[in-house]
C-alpha cells in the first residue's frame, strides 16, 4: 500500500484528481485494500492513458 501512495503522485500527475486518493477498506486479513480516487477526464484518449497508468501499478488486482 505504501508503495502505491509513494508512486501515485508521479503516476497520476498528468491527470486531474478531483479528490485525494483514500483508503476505503481493507480485507480482514490485511492482504488486500480498497482505494478510492476520483478523476476528471477531458476526453476518451485521456481515459485510455489513465487506464494504461493503472495497469503499470505492481500488485494492482482489479479496477472498477
N, C-alpha and C. Protein backbone atom coordinates (compact mmCIF):
# COMPACT_ATOMS: atom_id res chain seq x y z
N UNK A 1 0.82 -1.19 0.00
CA UNK A 1 0.00 0.00 0.00
C UNK A 1 0.87 1.26 0.00
N UNK A 2 1.89 1.25 0.81
CA UNK A 2 2.77 2.41 0.89
C UNK A 2 3.44 2.68 -0.45
N UNK A 3 3.77 1.62 -1.18
CA UNK A 3 4.40 1.79 -2.49
C UNK A 3 3.45 2.52 -3.43
N UNK A 4 2.17 2.15 -3.39
CA UNK A 4 1.20 2.80 -4.26
C UNK A 4 1.11 4.28 -3.95
N UNK A 5 0.98 4.62 -2.68
CA UNK A 5 0.88 6.03 -2.31
C UNK A 5 2.14 6.80 -2.72
N UNK A 6 3.29 6.17 -2.54
CA UNK A 6 4.56 6.81 -2.88
C UNK A 6 4.64 7.11 -4.38
N UNK A 7 4.19 6.17 -5.21
CA UNK A 7 4.28 6.33 -6.66
C UNK A 7 3.09 7.08 -7.25
N UNK A 8 2.00 7.21 -6.50
CA UNK A 8 0.78 7.77 -7.07
C UNK A 8 0.95 9.21 -7.56
N UNK A 9 1.71 10.01 -6.85
CA UNK A 9 1.91 11.39 -7.29
C UNK A 9 2.55 11.43 -8.67
N UNK A 10 3.54 10.58 -8.88
CA UNK A 10 4.21 10.53 -10.18
C UNK A 10 3.31 9.92 -11.25
N UNK A 11 2.61 8.85 -10.89
CA UNK A 11 1.76 8.15 -11.86
C UNK A 11 0.62 9.02 -12.37
N UNK A 12 0.02 9.77 -11.47
CA UNK A 12 -1.20 10.49 -11.81
C UNK A 12 -1.02 11.99 -11.93
N UNK A 13 0.22 12.46 -11.98
CA UNK A 13 0.48 13.90 -12.05
C UNK A 13 -0.15 14.55 -13.28
N UNK A 14 -0.28 13.81 -14.36
CA UNK A 14 -0.81 14.38 -15.60
C UNK A 14 -2.34 14.39 -15.63
N UNK A 15 -2.97 13.89 -14.58
CA UNK A 15 -4.44 13.78 -14.57
C UNK A 15 -5.03 14.66 -13.48
N UNK A 16 -6.28 15.02 -13.67
CA UNK A 16 -6.96 15.89 -12.72
C UNK A 16 -7.70 15.05 -11.68
N UNK A 17 -7.02 14.79 -10.56
CA UNK A 17 -7.68 14.09 -9.45
C UNK A 17 -8.57 15.10 -8.75
N UNK A 18 -9.85 14.80 -8.63
CA UNK A 18 -10.77 15.75 -8.01
C UNK A 18 -10.82 15.60 -6.50
N UNK A 19 -10.28 14.50 -5.98
CA UNK A 19 -10.18 14.26 -4.54
C UNK A 19 -8.89 13.49 -4.29
N UNK A 20 -8.32 13.60 -3.11
CA UNK A 20 -7.11 12.83 -2.80
C UNK A 20 -7.41 11.33 -2.80
N UNK A 21 -6.41 10.54 -3.09
CA UNK A 21 -6.55 9.08 -3.02
C UNK A 21 -6.75 8.71 -1.56
N UNK A 22 -7.76 7.88 -1.31
CA UNK A 22 -8.03 7.48 0.07
C UNK A 22 -8.21 5.97 0.16
N UNK A 23 -7.87 5.43 1.31
CA UNK A 23 -8.07 4.01 1.55
C UNK A 23 -9.50 3.82 2.00
N UNK A 24 -10.27 3.04 1.23
CA UNK A 24 -11.68 2.86 1.52
C UNK A 24 -11.92 1.71 2.49
N UNK A 25 -11.20 0.60 2.30
CA UNK A 25 -11.45 -0.57 3.14
C UNK A 25 -10.30 -1.56 2.96
N UNK A 26 -10.02 -2.31 4.00
CA UNK A 26 -9.01 -3.38 3.92
C UNK A 26 -9.69 -4.71 4.20
N UNK A 27 -9.13 -5.78 3.64
CA UNK A 27 -9.67 -7.10 3.91
C UNK A 27 -9.40 -7.47 5.37
N UNK A 28 -10.15 -8.43 5.87
CA UNK A 28 -9.98 -8.81 7.28
C UNK A 28 -8.58 -9.35 7.56
N UNK A 29 -7.95 -9.97 6.56
CA UNK A 29 -6.59 -10.49 6.74
C UNK A 29 -5.53 -9.40 6.54
N UNK A 30 -5.93 -8.27 5.98
CA UNK A 30 -4.99 -7.19 5.72
C UNK A 30 -4.19 -7.37 4.44
N UNK A 31 -4.50 -8.43 3.70
CA UNK A 31 -3.75 -8.71 2.47
C UNK A 31 -4.16 -7.78 1.33
N UNK A 32 -5.40 -7.38 1.30
CA UNK A 32 -5.92 -6.53 0.22
C UNK A 32 -6.50 -5.25 0.80
N UNK A 33 -6.48 -4.21 0.01
CA UNK A 33 -7.09 -2.94 0.42
C UNK A 33 -7.82 -2.34 -0.77
N UNK A 34 -8.90 -1.67 -0.47
CA UNK A 34 -9.64 -0.94 -1.50
C UNK A 34 -9.25 0.53 -1.40
N UNK A 35 -9.00 1.11 -2.55
CA UNK A 35 -8.66 2.53 -2.60
C UNK A 35 -9.71 3.25 -3.43
N UNK A 36 -9.95 4.48 -3.09
CA UNK A 36 -10.90 5.29 -3.85
C UNK A 36 -10.18 6.52 -4.39
N UNK A 37 -10.44 6.80 -5.66
CA UNK A 37 -9.95 8.05 -6.23
C UNK A 37 -10.93 8.51 -7.29
N UNK A 38 -10.96 9.78 -7.47
CA UNK A 38 -11.89 10.38 -8.41
C UNK A 38 -11.08 11.23 -9.40
N UNK A 39 -11.33 10.98 -10.69
CA UNK A 39 -10.56 11.64 -11.75
C UNK A 39 -11.52 12.28 -12.74
N UNK A 40 -11.20 13.49 -13.19
CA UNK A 40 -11.98 14.15 -14.23
C UNK A 40 -11.23 13.97 -15.55
N UNK A 41 -11.89 13.33 -16.51
CA UNK A 41 -11.30 13.13 -17.84
C UNK A 41 -11.88 14.16 -18.81
N UNK A 42 -11.02 14.65 -19.68
CA UNK A 42 -11.45 15.66 -20.64
C UNK A 42 -11.75 15.06 -22.01
N UNK A 43 -11.28 13.84 -22.25
CA UNK A 43 -11.60 13.15 -23.50
C UNK A 43 -11.31 11.66 -23.34
N UNK A 44 -11.71 10.88 -24.32
CA UNK A 44 -11.55 9.42 -24.25
C UNK A 44 -10.07 9.01 -24.26
N UNK A 45 -9.24 9.75 -24.97
CA UNK A 45 -7.81 9.42 -25.00
C UNK A 45 -7.18 9.54 -23.61
N UNK A 46 -7.61 10.54 -22.88
CA UNK A 46 -7.09 10.71 -21.52
C UNK A 46 -7.50 9.53 -20.63
N UNK A 47 -8.70 9.04 -20.82
CA UNK A 47 -9.16 7.88 -20.06
C UNK A 47 -8.32 6.65 -20.38
N UNK A 48 -7.97 6.48 -21.64
CA UNK A 48 -7.13 5.35 -22.06
C UNK A 48 -5.74 5.48 -21.44
N UNK A 49 -5.18 6.68 -21.44
CA UNK A 49 -3.86 6.89 -20.83
C UNK A 49 -3.89 6.60 -19.34
N UNK A 50 -4.96 6.99 -18.68
CA UNK A 50 -5.10 6.72 -17.25
C UNK A 50 -5.16 5.21 -17.00
N UNK A 51 -5.92 4.50 -17.82
CA UNK A 51 -6.02 3.05 -17.70
C UNK A 51 -4.64 2.41 -17.87
N UNK A 52 -3.87 2.89 -18.81
CA UNK A 52 -2.52 2.36 -19.03
C UNK A 52 -1.63 2.60 -17.80
N UNK A 53 -1.78 3.75 -17.17
CA UNK A 53 -1.01 4.04 -15.96
C UNK A 53 -1.41 3.07 -14.84
N UNK A 54 -2.70 2.83 -14.69
CA UNK A 54 -3.15 1.91 -13.65
C UNK A 54 -2.59 0.51 -13.88
N UNK A 55 -2.55 0.07 -15.12
CA UNK A 55 -2.05 -1.27 -15.43
C UNK A 55 -0.56 -1.41 -15.09
N UNK A 56 0.14 -0.30 -14.96
CA UNK A 56 1.57 -0.35 -14.64
C UNK A 56 1.84 -0.45 -13.14
N UNK A 57 0.80 -0.39 -12.32
CA UNK A 57 0.96 -0.43 -10.87
C UNK A 57 1.17 -1.88 -10.42
N UNK A 58 2.32 -2.20 -9.84
CA UNK A 58 2.57 -3.56 -9.38
C UNK A 58 1.58 -3.96 -8.27
N UNK A 59 1.07 -5.15 -8.36
CA UNK A 59 0.18 -5.67 -7.32
C UNK A 59 -1.28 -5.27 -7.46
N UNK A 60 -1.59 -4.40 -8.41
CA UNK A 60 -2.99 -4.00 -8.60
C UNK A 60 -3.75 -5.17 -9.18
N UNK A 61 -4.85 -5.56 -8.54
CA UNK A 61 -5.60 -6.75 -8.94
C UNK A 61 -6.85 -6.42 -9.76
N UNK A 62 -7.54 -5.35 -9.44
CA UNK A 62 -8.81 -5.07 -10.10
C UNK A 62 -9.10 -3.57 -10.08
N UNK A 63 -9.72 -3.09 -11.15
CA UNK A 63 -10.13 -1.70 -11.24
C UNK A 63 -11.60 -1.68 -11.64
N UNK A 64 -12.38 -0.93 -10.89
CA UNK A 64 -13.80 -0.77 -11.22
C UNK A 64 -14.08 0.66 -11.59
